[in-house]
Amino acid sequence: MEENEVKAADIDAYLAAAGRFDNSLKKIWYEEWVAMFKQGMEGWSLYRRTGIPENHYIAPGRPAQYADHNVPPFRSPYPATELNLNGVNNAPFNAEVVDNLWGKPMWWDTREGVH
């Protein structure tokens, strides 16, 4: 702050003030999600990590695919080239996955009550 010529009294007042939490982080995550509009995988990963946005934007006209689920998909299926060219490493993993979209959450996804 001194480098930006902020007065010493203002610095002291700022540092002495109590912090506040007003869901600022949720607001930042939402703005980040909006900024990733054309980067679908990044926005989807942010949602899976943070749960933001809290309202789910399910594609209209495809309700039959989402009828039994309360959140967007947990994962994205591996592309066919990965399965064909790296089958040895994928076989053990794929044996555990029943549903490529919702079947098994990522290892770090510890949320309860989502399906």
PDB file of N, CA and C in Angstrom:
ATOM      1  N   MET A   1       0.820  -1.180   0.000  1.00  0.00           N
ATOM      2  CA  MET A   1       0.000   0.000   0.000  1.00  0.00           C
ATOM      3  C   MET A   1       0.869   1.251   0.000  1.00  0.00           C
ATOM      4  N   GLU A   2       1.955   1.175   0.729  1.00  0.00           N
ATOM      5  CA  GLU A   2       2.853   2.335   0.765  1.00  0.00           C
ATOM      6  C   GLU A   2       3.389   2.639  -0.626  1.00  0.00           C
ATOM      7  N   GLU A   3       3.628   1.592  -1.382  1.00  0.00           N
ATOM      8  CA  GLU A   3       4.124   1.751  -2.743  1.00  0.00           C
ATOM      9  C   GLU A   3       3.127   2.522  -3.609  1.00  0.00           C
ATOM     10  N   ASN A   4       1.857   2.403  -3.281  1.00  0.00           N
ATOM     11  CA  ASN A   4       0.813   3.115  -4.018  1.00  0.00           C
ATOM     12  C   ASN A   4       0.404   4.416  -3.341  1.00  0.00           C
ATOM     13  N   GLU A   5       1.218   4.862  -2.404  1.00  0.00           N
ATOM     14  CA  GLU A   5       1.052   6.143  -1.716  1.00  0.00           C
ATOM     15  C   GLU A   5      -0.233   6.231  -0.902  1.00  0.00           C
ATOM     16  N   VAL A   6      -0.608   5.118  -0.287  1.00  0.00           N
ATOM     17  CA  VAL A   6      -1.741   5.130   0.632  1.00  0.00           C
ATOM     18  C   VAL A   6      -1.232   5.653   1.966  1.00  0.00           C
ATOM     19  N   LYS A   7      -1.996   6.529   2.600  1.00  0.00           N
ATOM     20  CA  LYS A   7      -1.578   7.140   3.864  1.00  0.00           C
ATOM     21  C   LYS A   7      -1.464   6.076   4.955  1.00  0.00           C
ATOM     22  N   ALA A   8      -0.512   6.276   5.855  1.00  0.00           N
ATOM     23  CA  ALA A   8      -0.259   5.324   6.940  1.00  0.00           C
ATOM     24  C   ALA A   8      -1.499   5.127   7.804  1.00  0.00           C
ATOM     25  N   ALA A   9      -2.230   6.194   8.074  1.00  0.00           N
ATOM     26  CA  ALA A   9      -3.443   6.085   8.893  1.00  0.00           C
ATOM     27  C   ALA A   9      -4.487   5.207   8.196  1.00  0.00           C
ATOM     28  N   ASP A  10      -4.593   5.332   6.882  1.00  0.00           N
ATOM     29  CA  ASP A  10      -5.544   4.503   6.135  1.00  0.00           C
ATOM     30  C   ASP A  10      -5.121   3.034   6.142  1.00  0.00           C
ATOM     31  N   ILE A  11      -3.817   2.803   6.063  1.00  0.00           N
ATOM     32  CA  ILE A  11      -3.305   1.431   6.118  1.00  0.00           C
ATOM     33  C   ILE A  11      -3.629   0.812   7.470  1.00  0.00           C
ATOM     34  N   ASP A  12      -3.359   1.554   8.543  1.00  0.00           N
ATOM     35  CA  ASP A  12      -3.633   1.052   9.890  1.00  0.00           C
ATOM     36  C   ASP A  12      -5.122   0.771  10.092  1.00  0.00           C
ATOM     37  N   ALA A  13      -5.963   1.667   9.614  1.00  0.00           N
ATOM     38  CA  ALA A  13      -7.410   1.481   9.757  1.00  0.00           C
ATOM     39  C   ALA A  13      -7.874   0.247   8.980  1.00  0.00           C
ATOM     40  N   TYR A  14      -7.326   0.058   7.801  1.00  0.00           N
ATOM     41  CA  TYR A  14      -7.698  -1.095   6.977  1.00  0.00           C
ATOM     42  C   TYR A  14      -7.291  -2.400   7.655  1.00  0.00           C
ATOM     43  N   LEU A  15      -6.071  -2.448   8.171  1.00  0.00           N
ATOM     44  CA  LEU A  15      -5.575  -3.666   8.805  1.00  0.00           C
ATOM     45  C   LEU A  15      -6.256  -3.949  10.136  1.00  0.00           C
ATOM     46  N   ALA A  16      -6.723  -2.906  10.824  1.00  0.00           N
ATOM     47  CA  ALA A  16      -7.378  -3.087  12.119  1.00  0.00           C
ATOM     48  C   ALA A  16      -8.842  -3.504  11.971  1.00  0.00           C
ATOM     49  N   ALA A  17      -9.423  -3.250  10.833  1.00  0.00           N
ATOM     50  CA  ALA A  17     -10.842  -3.565  10.633  1.00  0.00           C
ATOM     51  C   ALA A  17     -11.058  -5.076  10.605  1.00  0.00           C
ATOM     52  N   ALA A  18     -12.214  -5.480  11.098  1.00  0.00           N
ATOM     53  CA  ALA A  18     -12.563  -6.903  11.076  1.00  0.00           C
ATOM     54  C   ALA A  18     -12.929  -7.310   9.655  1.00  0.00           C
ATOM     55  N   GLY A  19     -12.589  -8.532   9.324  1.00  0.00           N
ATOM     56  CA  GLY A  19     -12.971  -9.039   8.012  1.00  0.00           C
ATOM     57  C   GLY A  19     -14.472  -9.274   7.951  1.00  0.00           C
ATOM     58  N   ARG A  20     -14.991  -9.455   6.787  1.00  0.00           N
ATOM     59  CA  ARG A  20     -16.420  -9.708   6.651  1.00  0.00           C
ATOM     60  C   ARG A  20     -16.634 -10.812   5.629  1.00  0.00           C
ATOM     61  N   PHE A  21     -17.721 -11.509   5.819  1.00  0.00           N
ATOM     62  CA  PHE A  21     -18.083 -12.519   4.835  1.00  0.00           C
ATOM     63  C   PHE A  21     -19.517 -12.264   4.414  1.00  0.00           C
ATOM     64  N   ASP A  22     -19.698 -11.928   3.178  1.00  0.00           N
ATOM     65  CA  ASP A  22     -21.036 -11.661   2.652  1.00  0.00           C
ATOM     66  C   ASP A  22     -21.256 -12.444   1.361  1.00  0.00           C
ATOM     67  N   ASN A  23     -20.772 -13.675   1.367  1.00  0.00           N
ATOM     68  CA  ASN A  23     -20.864 -14.529   0.180  1.00  0.00           C
ATOM     69  C   ASN A  23     -20.072 -13.976  -0.990  1.00  0.00           C
ATOM     70  N   SER A  24     -19.035 -13.218  -0.697  1.00  0.00           N
ATOM     71  CA  SER A  24     -18.215 -12.644  -1.761  1.00  0.00           C
ATOM     72  C   SER A  24     -17.614 -13.728  -2.639  1.00  0.00           C
ATOM     73  N   LEU A  25     -17.191 -14.831  -2.042  1.00  0.00           N
ATOM     74  CA  LEU A  25     -16.580 -15.901  -2.817  1.00  0.00           C
ATOM     75  C   LEU A  25     -17.584 -16.497  -3.802  1.00  0.00           C
ATOM     76  N   LYS A  26     -18.827 -16.649  -3.362  1.00  0.00           N
ATOM     77  CA  LYS A  26     -19.858 -17.148  -4.276  1.00  0.00           C
ATOM     78  C   LYS A  26     -20.045 -16.193  -5.447  1.00  0.00           C
ATOM     79  N   LYS A  27     -19.987 -14.899  -5.181  1.00  0.00           N
ATOM     80  CA  LYS A  27     -20.140 -13.906  -6.246  1.00  0.00           C
ATOM     81  C   LYS A  27     -18.976 -13.990  -7.230  1.00  0.00           C
ATOM     82  N   ILE A  28     -17.785 -14.176  -6.708  1.00  0.00           N
ATOM     83  CA  ILE A  28     -16.600 -14.296  -7.567  1.00  0.00           C
ATOM     84  C   ILE A  28     -16.699 -15.550  -8.419  1.00  0.00           C
ATOM     85  N   TRP A  29     -17.082 -16.671  -7.802  1.00  0.00           N
ATOM     86  CA  TRP A  29     -17.220 -17.919  -8.563  1.00  0.00           C
ATOM     87  C   TRP A  29     -18.276 -17.783  -9.654  1.00  0.00           C
ATOM     88  N   TYR A  30     -19.393 -17.092  -9.343  1.00  0.00           N
ATOM     89  CA  TYR A  30     -20.437 -16.913 -10.352  1.00  0.00           C
ATOM     90  C   TYR A  30     -19.910 -16.082 -11.518  1.00  0.00           C
ATOM     91  N   GLU A  31     -19.198 -15.010 -11.224  1.00  0.00           N
ATOM     92  CA  GLU A  31     -18.628 -14.180 -12.287  1.00  0.00           C
ATOM     93  C   GLU A  31     -17.608 -14.972 -13.105  1.00  0.00           C
ATOM     94  N   GLU A  32     -16.844 -15.832 -12.436  1.00  0.00           N
ATOM     95  CA  GLU A  32     -15.895 -16.680 -13.160  1.00  0.00           C
ATOM     96  C   GLU A  32     -16.651 -17.639 -14.079  1.00  0.00           C
ATOM     97  N   TRP A  33     -17.751 -18.209 -13.592  1.00  0.00           N
ATOM     98  CA  TRP A  33     -18.563 -19.116 -14.402  1.00  0.00           C
ATOM     99  C   TRP A  33     -19.108 -18.394 -15.629  1.00  0.00           C
ATOM    100  N   VAL A  34     -19.590 -17.161 -15.445  1.00  0.00           N
ATOM    101  CA  VAL A  34     -20.095 -16.371 -16.573  1.00  0.00           C
ATOM    102  C   VAL A  34     -18.972 -16.094 -17.565  1.00  0.00           C
ATOM    103  N   ALA A  35     -17.790 -15.759 -17.055  1.00  0.00           N
ATOM    104  CA  ALA A  35     -16.651 -15.450 -17.923  1.00  0.00           C
ATOM    105  C   ALA A  35     -16.211 -16.661 -18.741  1.00  0.00           C
ATOM    106  N   MET A  36     -16.511 -17.844 -18.272  1.00  0.00           N
ATOM    107  CA  MET A  36     -16.117 -19.063 -18.984  1.00  0.00           C
ATOM    108  C   MET A  36     -17.204 -19.553 -19.934  1.00  0.00           C
ATOM    109  N   PHE A  37     -18.083 -18.662 -20.355  1.00  0.00           N
ATOM    110  CA  PHE A  37     -19.223 -19.044 -21.187  1.00  0.00           C
ATOM    111  C   PHE A  37     -18.823 -19.856 -22.410  1.00  0.00           C
ATOM    112  N   LYS A  38     -17.760 -19.488 -23.081  1.00  0.00           N
ATOM    113  CA  LYS A  38     -17.338 -20.210 -24.283  1.00  0.00           C
ATOM    114  C   LYS A  38     -16.307 -21.293 -23.986  1.00  0.00           C
ATOM    115  N   GLN A  39     -16.053 -21.550 -22.722  1.00  0.00           N
ATOM    116  CA  GLN A  39     -15.123 -22.604 -22.320  1.00  0.00           C
ATOM    117  C   GLN A  39     -15.897 -23.593 -21.455  1.00  0.00           C
ATOM    118  N   GLY A  40     -16.757 -24.348 -22.117  1.00  0.00           N
ATOM    119  CA  GLY A  40     -17.711 -25.200 -21.421  1.00  0.00           C
ATOM    120  C   GLY A  40     -17.120 -26.146 -20.398  1.00  0.00           C
ATOM    121  N   MET A  41     -16.024 -26.810 -20.739  1.00  0.00           N
ATOM    122  CA  MET A  41     -15.435 -27.770 -19.798  1.00  0.00           C
ATOM    123  C   MET A  41     -14.912 -27.067 -18.547  1.00  0.00           C
ATOM    124  N   GLU A  42     -14.355 -25.870 -18.713  1.00  0.00           N
ATOM    125  CA  GLU A  42     -13.843 -25.125 -17.555  1.00  0.00           C
ATOM    126  C   GLU A  42     -14.988 -24.679 -16.652  1.00  0.00           C
ATOM    127  N   GLY A  43     -16.062 -24.162 -17.261  1.00  0.00           N
ATOM    128  CA  GLY A  43     -17.224 -23.755 -16.475  1.00  0.00           C
ATOM    129  C   GLY A  43     -17.863 -24.930 -15.757  1.00  0.00           C
ATOM    130  N   TRP A  44     -17.935 -26.060 -16.449  1.00  0.00           N
ATOM    131  CA  TRP A  44     -18.502 -27.267 -15.848  1.00  0.00           C
ATOM    132  C   TRP A  44     -17.630 -27.740 -14.682  1.00  0.00           C
ATOM    133  N   SER A  45     -16.318 -27.683 -14.844  1.00  0.00           N
ATOM    134  CA  SER A  45     -15.412 -28.085 -13.762  1.00  0.00           C
ATOM    135  C   SER A  45     -15.547 -27.150 -12.568  1.00  0.00           C
ATOM    136  N   LEU A  46     -15.699 -25.852 -12.838  1.00  0.00           N
ATOM    137  CA  LEU A  46     -15.908 -24.899 -11.743  1.00  0.00           C
ATOM    138  C   LEU A  46     -17.197 -25.239 -11.001  1.00  0.00           C
ATOM    139  N   TYR A  47     -18.248 -25.562 -11.747  1.00  0.00           N
ATOM    140  CA  TYR A  47     -19.509 -25.936 -11.103  1.00  0.00           C
ATOM    141  C   TYR A  47     -19.330 -27.187 -10.242  1.00  0.00           C
ATOM    142  N   ARG A  48     -18.664 -28.194 -10.769  1.00  0.00           N
ATOM    143  CA  ARG A  48     -18.489 -29.436 -10.004  1.00  0.00           C
ATOM    144  C   ARG A  48     -17.667 -29.194  -8.750  1.00  0.00           C
ATOM    145  N   ARG A  49     -16.722 -28.262  -8.828  1.00  0.00           N
ATOM    146  CA  ARG A  49     -15.848 -27.984  -7.685  1.00  0.00           C
ATOM    147  C   ARG A  49     -16.533 -27.117  -6.633  1.00  0.00           C
ATOM    148  N   THR A  50     -17.359 -26.156  -7.068  1.00  0.00           N
ATOM    149  CA  THR A  50     -17.904 -25.166  -6.142  1.00  0.00           C
ATOM    150  C   THR A  50     -19.407 -25.255  -5.929  1.00  0.00           C
ATOM    151  N   GLY A  51     -20.131 -25.863  -6.874  1.00  0.00           N
ATOM    152  CA  GLY A  51     -21.588 -25.875  -6.788  1.00  0.00           C
ATOM    153  C   GLY A  51     -22.220 -24.574  -7.255  1.00  0.00           C
ATOM    154  N   ILE A  52     -21.411 -23.702  -7.842  1.00  0.00           N
ATOM    155  CA  ILE A  52     -21.888 -22.409  -8.348  1.00  0.00           C
ATOM    156  C   ILE A  52     -21.949 -22.492  -9.857  1.00  0.00           C
ATOM    157  N   PRO A  53     -23.018 -22.117 -10.504  1.00  0.00           N
ATOM    158  CA  PRO A  53     -24.230 -21.493  -9.979  1.00  0.00           C
ATOM    159  C   PRO A  53     -25.124 -22.515  -9.288  1.00  0.00           C
ATOM    160  N   GLU A  54     -25.889 -22.027  -8.343  1.00  0.00           N
ATOM    161  CA  GLU A  54     -26.711 -22.926  -7.546  1.00  0.00           C
ATOM    162  C   GLU A  54     -27.966 -23.393  -8.274  1.00  0.00           C
ATOM    163  N   ASN A  55     -28.405 -22.644  -9.273  1.00  0.00           N
ATOM    164  CA  ASN A  55     -29.533 -23.116 -10.084  1.00  0.00           C
ATOM    165  C   ASN A  55     -28.955 -23.864 -11.275  1.00  0.00           C
ATOM    166  N   HIS A  56     -29.592 -24.936 -11.667  1.00  0.00           N
ATOM    167  CA  HIS A  56     -29.047 -25.818 -12.693  1.00  0.00           C
ATOM    168  C   HIS A  56     -29.671 -25.519 -14.042  1.00  0.00           C
ATOM    169  N   TYR A  57     -28.826 -25.299 -15.007  1.00  0.00           N
ATOM    170  CA  TYR A  57     -29.284 -24.999 -16.350  1.00  0.00           C
ATOM    171  C   TYR A  57     -29.241 -26.279 -17.182  1.00  0.00           C
ATOM    172  N   ILE A  58     -30.290 -27.066 -17.101  1.00  0.00           N
ATOM    173  CA  ILE A  58     -30.372 -28.313 -17.854  1.00  0.00           C
ATOM    174  C   ILE A  58     -30.899 -27.992 -19.247  1.00  0.00           C
ATOM    175  N   ALA A  59     -30.330 -28.623 -20.245  1.00  0.00           N
ATOM    176  CA  ALA A  59     -30.713 -28.357 -21.631  1.00  0.00           C
ATOM    177  C   ALA A  59     -32.198 -28.614 -21.844  1.00  0.00           C
ATOM    178  N   PRO A  60     -32.919 -27.631 -22.389  1.00  0.00           N
ATOM    179  CA  PRO A  60     -34.346 -27.846 -22.640  1.00  0.00           C
ATOM    180  C   PRO A  60     -34.551 -28.881 -23.744  1.00  0.00           C
ATOM    181  N   GLY A  61     -35.654 -29.588 -23.660  1.00  0.00           N
ATOM    182  CA  GLY A  61     -35.970 -30.569 -24.682  1.00  0.00           C
ATOM    183  C   GLY A  61     -35.321 -31.922 -24.473  1.00  0.00           C
ATOM    184  N   ARG A  62     -34.567 -32.081 -23.381  1.00  0.00           N
ATOM    185  CA  ARG A  62     -33.915 -33.364 -23.127  1.00  0.00           C
ATOM    186  C   ARG A  62     -34.185 -33.831 -21.699  1.00  0.00           C
ATOM    187  N   PRO A  63     -35.381 -33.636 -21.185  1.00  0.00           N
ATOM    188  CA  PRO A  63     -35.632 -33.994 -19.787  1.00  0.00           C
ATOM    189  C   PRO A  63     -35.542 -35.477 -19.493  1.00  0.00           C
ATOM    190  N   ALA A  64     -35.773 -36.339 -20.469  1.00  0.00           N
ATOM    191  CA  ALA A  64     -35.743 -37.780 -20.215  1.00  0.00           C
ATOM    192  C   ALA A  64     -34.362 -38.241 -19.765  1.00  0.00           C
ATOM    193  N   GLN A  65     -33.313 -37.594 -20.258  1.00  0.00           N
ATOM    194  CA  GLN A  65     -31.960 -37.985 -19.869  1.00  0.00           C
ATOM    195  C   GLN A  65     -31.640 -37.574 -18.442  1.00  0.00           C
ATOM    196  N   TYR A  66     -32.309 -36.547 -17.941  1.00  0.00           N
ATOM    197  CA  TYR A  66     -31.970 -35.998 -16.637  1.00  0.00           C
ATOM    198  C   TYR A  66     -33.016 -36.283 -15.568  1.00  0.00           C
ATOM    199  N   ALA A  67     -34.010 -37.080 -15.878  1.00  0.00           N
ATOM    200  CA  ALA A  67     -35.155 -37.259 -14.989  1.00  0.00           C
ATOM    201  C   ALA A  67     -34.780 -37.752 -13.594  1.00  0.00           C
ATOM    202  N   ASP A  68     -33.805 -38.617 -13.462  1.00  0.00           N
ATOM    203  CA  ASP A  68     -33.464 -39.195 -12.159  1.00  0.00           C
ATOM    204  C   ASP A  68     -32.307 -38.489 -11.467  1.00  0.00           C
ATOM    205  N   HIS A  69     -31.927 -37.328 -11.946  1.00  0.00           N
ATOM    206  CA  HIS A  69     -30.744 -36.659 -11.403  1.00  0.00           C
ATOM    207  C   HIS A  69     -31.076 -35.251 -10.926  1.00  0.00           C
ATOM    208  N   ASN A  70     -30.434 -34.833  -9.828  1.00  0.00           N
ATOM    209  CA  ASN A  70     -30.696 -33.508  -9.290  1.00  0.00           C
ATOM    210  C   ASN A  70     -29.556 -32.527  -9.544  1.00  0.00           C
ATOM    211  N   VAL A  71     -28.537 -32.941 -10.248  1.00  0.00           N
ATOM    212  CA  VAL A  71     -27.419 -32.068 -10.613  1.00  0.00           C
ATOM    213  C   VAL A  71     -26.956 -32.413 -12.024  1.00  0.00           C
ATOM    214  N   PRO A  72     -26.228 -31.504 -12.664  1.00  0.00           N
ATOM    215  CA  PRO A  72     -25.633 -31.848 -13.963  1.00  0.00           C
ATOM    216  C   PRO A  72     -24.653 -33.015 -13.820  1.00  0.00           C
ATOM    217  N   PRO A  73     -24.241 -33.611 -14.921  1.00  0.00           N
ATOM    218  CA  PRO A  73     -23.368 -34.794 -14.864  1.00  0.00           C
ATOM    219  C   PRO A  73     -22.099 -34.594 -14.029  1.00  0.00           C
ATOM    220  N   PHE A  74     -21.652 -35.690 -13.413  1.00  0.00           N
ATOM    221  CA  PHE A  74     -20.426 -35.680 -12.619  1.00  0.00           C
ATOM    222  C   PHE A  74     -19.174 -35.698 -13.484  1.00  0.00           C
ATOM    223  N   ARG A  75     -19.249 -36.383 -14.584  1.00  0.00           N
ATOM    224  CA  ARG A  75     -18.055 -36.609 -15.390  1.00  0.00           C
ATOM    225  C   ARG A  75     -18.406 -36.609 -16.864  1.00  0.00           C
ATOM    226  N   SER A  76     -17.382 -36.567 -17.684  1.00  0.00           N
ATOM    227  CA  SER A  76     -17.531 -36.643 -19.132  1.00  0.00           C
ATOM    228  C   SER A  76     -16.892 -37.950 -19.583  1.00  0.00           C
ATOM    229  N   PRO A  77     -17.543 -38.680 -20.473  1.00  0.00           N
ATOM    230  CA  PRO A  77     -16.955 -39.951 -20.909  1.00  0.00           C
ATOM    231  C   PRO A  77     -15.645 -39.736 -21.661  1.00  0.00           C
ATOM    232  N   TYR A  78     -14.769 -40.710 -21.572  1.00  0.00           N
ATOM    233  CA  TYR A  78     -13.536 -40.652 -22.354  1.00  0.00           C
ATOM    234  C   TYR A  78     -13.871 -40.713 -23.839  1.00  0.00           C
ATOM    235  N   PRO A  79     -13.119 -40.016 -24.664  1.00  0.00           N
ATOM    236  CA  PRO A  79     -13.364 -40.111 -26.109  1.00  0.00           C
ATOM    237  C   PRO A  79     -13.004 -41.504 -26.630  1.00  0.00           C
ATOM    238  N   ALA A  80     -13.577 -41.860 -27.767  1.00  0.00           N
ATOM    239  CA  ALA A  80     -13.349 -43.183 -28.353  1.00  0.00           C
ATOM    240  C   ALA A  80     -11.873 -43.425 -28.631  1.00  0.00           C
ATOM    241  N   THR A  81     -11.142 -42.386 -29.035  1.00  0.00           N
ATOM    242  CA  THR A  81      -9.714 -42.581 -29.322  1.00  0.00           C
ATOM    243  C   THR A  81      -8.954 -42.986 -28.066  1.00  0.00           C
ATOM    244  N   GLU A  82      -9.316 -42.421 -26.929  1.00  0.00           N
ATOM    245  CA  GLU A  82      -8.658 -42.790 -25.668  1.00  0.00           C
ATOM    246  C   GLU A  82      -8.950 -44.246 -25.329  1.00  0.00           C
ATOM    247  N   LEU A  83     -10.183 -44.647 -25.496  1.00  0.00           N
ATOM    248  CA  LEU A  83     -10.550 -46.031 -25.194  1.00  0.00           C
ATOM    249  C   LEU A  83      -9.877 -47.011 -26.146  1.00  0.00           C
ATOM    250  N   ASN A  84      -9.765 -46.634 -27.418  1.00  0.00           N
ATOM    251  CA  ASN A  84      -9.164 -47.524 -28.412  1.00  0.00           C
ATOM    252  C   ASN A  84      -7.647 -47.587 -28.306  1.00  0.00           C
ATOM    253  N   LEU A  85      -7.008 -46.465 -28.046  1.00  0.00           N
ATOM    254  CA  LEU A  85      -5.545 -46.416 -28.053  1.00  0.00           C
ATOM    255  C   LEU A  85      -4.917 -46.648 -26.683  1.00  0.00           C
ATOM    256  N   ASN A  86      -5.695 -46.547 -25.625  1.00  0.00           N
ATOM    257  CA  ASN A  86      -5.155 -46.712 -24.278  1.00  0.00           C
ATOM    258  C   ASN A  86      -6.046 -47.661 -23.478  1.00  0.00           C
ATOM    259  N   GLY A  87      -6.524 -48.695 -24.126  1.00  0.00           N
ATOM    260  CA  GLY A  87      -7.447 -49.632 -23.503  1.00  0.00           C
ATOM    261  C   GLY A  87      -6.888 -50.343 -22.291  1.00  0.00           C
ATOM    262  N   VAL A  88      -5.588 -50.615 -22.283  1.00  0.00           N
ATOM    263  CA  VAL A  88      -4.975 -51.329 -21.156  1.00  0.00           C
ATOM    264  C   VAL A  88      -5.147 -50.541 -19.864  1.00  0.00           C
ATOM    265  N   ASN A  89      -4.932 -49.231 -19.925  1.00  0.00           N
ATOM    266  CA  ASN A  89      -5.056 -48.407 -18.727  1.00  0.00           C
ATOM    267  C   ASN A  89      -6.499 -48.040 -18.410  1.00  0.00           C
ATOM    268  N   ASN A  90      -7.356 -48.044 -19.397  1.00  0.00           N
ATOM    269  CA  ASN A  90      -8.747 -47.675 -19.174  1.00  0.00           C
ATOM    270  C   ASN A  90      -9.616 -48.834 -18.719  1.00  0.00           C
ATOM    271  N   ALA A  91      -9.234 -50.044 -19.033  1.00  0.00           N
ATOM    272  CA  ALA A  91     -10.079 -51.200 -18.714  1.00  0.00           C
ATOM    273  C   ALA A  91     -10.414 -51.302 -17.226  1.00  0.00           C
ATOM    274  N   PRO A  92      -9.443 -51.191 -16.301  1.00  0.00           N
ATOM    275  CA  PRO A  92      -9.795 -51.293 -14.876  1.00  0.00           C
ATOM    276  C   PRO A  92     -10.740 -50.180 -14.430  1.00  0.00           C
ATOM    277  N   PHE A  93     -10.514 -48.983 -14.932  1.00  0.00           N
ATOM    278  CA  PHE A  93     -11.373 -47.862 -14.567  1.00  0.00           C
ATOM    279  C   PHE A  93     -12.784 -48.062 -15.107  1.00  0.00           C
ATOM    280  N   ASN A  94     -12.880 -48.408 -16.369  1.00  0.00           N
ATOM    281  CA  ASN A  94     -14.193 -48.553 -16.995  1.00  0.00           C
ATOM    282  C   ASN A  94     -15.003 -49.695 -16.406  1.00  0.00           C
ATOM    283  N   ALA A  95     -14.347 -50.667 -15.802  1.00  0.00           N
ATOM    284  CA  ALA A  95     -15.076 -51.766 -15.169  1.00  0.00           C
ATOM    285  C   ALA A  95     -15.905 -51.256 -13.985  1.00  0.00           C
ATOM    286  N   GLU A  96     -15.454 -50.165 -13.334  1.00  0.00           N
ATOM    287  CA  GLU A  96     -16.153 -49.611 -12.176  1.00  0.00           C
ATOM    288  C   GLU A  96     -17.263 -48.637 -12.555  1.00  0.00           C
ATOM    289  N   VAL A  97     -17.226 -48.113 -13.768  1.00  0.00           N
ATOM    290  CA  VAL A  97     -18.172 -47.080 -14.182  1.00  0.00           C
ATOM    291  C   VAL A  97     -19.369 -47.711 -14.882  1.00  0.00           C
ATOM    292  N   VAL A  98     -20.534 -47.536 -14.296  1.00  0.00           N
ATOM    293  CA  VAL A  98     -21.760 -48.064 -14.879  1.00  0.00           C
ATOM    294  C   VAL A  98     -22.386 -47.018 -15.802  1.00  0.00           C
ATOM    295  N   ASP A  99     -22.382 -45.778 -15.362  1.00  0.00           N
ATOM    296  CA  ASP A  99     -22.969 -44.668 -16.110  1.00  0.00           C
ATOM    297  C   ASP A  99     -21.865 -43.637 -16.315  1.00  0.00           C
ATOM    298  N   ASN A 100     -21.524 -43.346 -17.558  1.00  0.00           N
ATOM    299  CA  ASN A 100     -20.417 -42.432 -17.843  1.00  0.00           C
ATOM    300  C   ASN A 100     -20.678 -40.993 -17.444  1.00  0.00           C
ATOM    301  N   LEU A 101     -21.912 -40.616 -17.195  1.00  0.00           N
ATOM    302  CA  LEU A 101     -22.207 -39.235 -16.825  1.00  0.00           C
ATOM    303  C   LEU A 101     -22.423 -39.061 -15.331  1.00  0.00           C
ATOM    304  N   TRP A 102     -23.213 -39.930 -14.714  1.00  0.00           N
ATOM    305  CA  TRP A 102     -23.523 -39.783 -13.303  1.00  0.00           C
ATOM    306  C   TRP A 102     -23.061 -40.962 -12.450  1.00  0.00           C
ATOM    307  N   GLY A 103     -22.591 -42.027 -13.038  1.00  0.00           N
ATOM    308  CA  GLY A 103     -22.337 -43.257 -12.309  1.00  0.00           C
ATOM    309  C   GLY A 103     -21.405 -43.165 -11.129  1.00  0.00           C
ATOM    310  N   LYS A 104     -20.309 -42.493 -11.275  1.00  0.00           N
ATOM    311  CA  LYS A 104     -19.319 -42.456 -10.208  1.00  0.00           C
ATOM    312  C   LYS A 104     -18.712 -41.059 -10.165  1.00  0.00           C
ATOM    313  N   PRO A 105     -18.895 -40.320  -9.057  1.00  0.00           N
ATOM    314  CA  PRO A 105     -18.313 -38.982  -8.969  1.00  0.00           C
ATOM    315  C   PRO A 105     -16.786 -39.035  -9.014  1.00  0.00           C
ATOM    316  N   MET A 106     -16.194 -37.917  -9.343  1.00  0.00           N
ATOM    317  CA  MET A 106     -14.739 -37.814  -9.330  1.00  0.00           C
ATOM    318  C   MET A 106     -14.252 -38.051  -7.904  1.00  0.00           C
ATOM    319  N   TRP A 107     -13.002 -38.432  -7.741  1.00  0.00           N
ATOM    320  CA  TRP A 107     -12.478 -38.810  -6.432  1.00  0.00           C
ATOM    321  C   TRP A 107     -12.572 -37.678  -5.416  1.00  0.00           C
ATOM    322  N   TRP A 108     -12.513 -36.432  -5.869  1.00  0.00           N
ATOM    323  CA  TRP A 108     -12.531 -35.302  -4.947  1.00  0.00           C
ATOM    324  C   TRP A 108     -13.944 -34.822  -4.641  1.00  0.00           C
ATOM    325  N   ASP A 109     -14.948 -35.362  -5.307  1.00  0.00           N
ATOM    326  CA  ASP A 109     -16.328 -34.914  -5.123  1.00  0.00           C
ATOM    327  C   ASP A 109     -16.938 -35.648  -3.939  1.00  0.00           C
ATOM    328  N   THR A 110     -16.941 -35.015  -2.782  1.00  0.00           N
ATOM    329  CA  THR A 110     -17.408 -35.656  -1.554  1.00  0.00           C
ATOM    330  C   THR A 110     -18.797 -35.175  -1.133  1.00  0.00           C
ATOM    331  N   ARG A 111     -19.504 -34.495  -2.032  1.00  0.00           N
ATOM    332  CA  ARG A 111     -20.844 -34.013  -1.696  1.00  0.00           C
ATOM    333  C   ARG A 111     -21.762 -35.194  -1.415  1.00  0.00           C
ATOM    334  N   GLU A 112     -22.693 -34.983  -0.505  1.00  0.00           N
ATOM    335  CA  GLU A 112     -23.676 -36.016  -0.200  1.00  0.00           C
ATOM    336  C   GLU A 112     -25.032 -35.580  -0.735  1.00  0.00           C
ATOM    337  N   GLY A 113     -25.857 -36.534  -1.092  1.00  0.00           N
ATOM    338  CA  GLY A 113     -27.211 -36.234  -1.536  1.00  0.00           C
ATOM    339  C   GLY A 113     -27.328 -35.817  -2.990  1.00  0.00           C
ATOM    340  N   VAL A 114     -26.253 -35.981  -3.762  1.00  0.00           N
ATOM    341  CA  VAL A 114     -26.336 -35.677  -5.190  1.00  0.00           C
ATOM    342  C   VAL A 114     -26.384 -36.985  -5.960  1.00  0.00           C
ATOM    343  N   HIS A 115     -27.165 -36.988  -7.001  1.00  0.00           N
ATOM    344  CA  HIS A 115     -27.268 -38.188  -7.842  1.00  0.00           C
ATOM    345  C   HIS A 115     -27.638 -37.768  -9.243  1.00  0.00           C
TER     346      HIS A 115
END
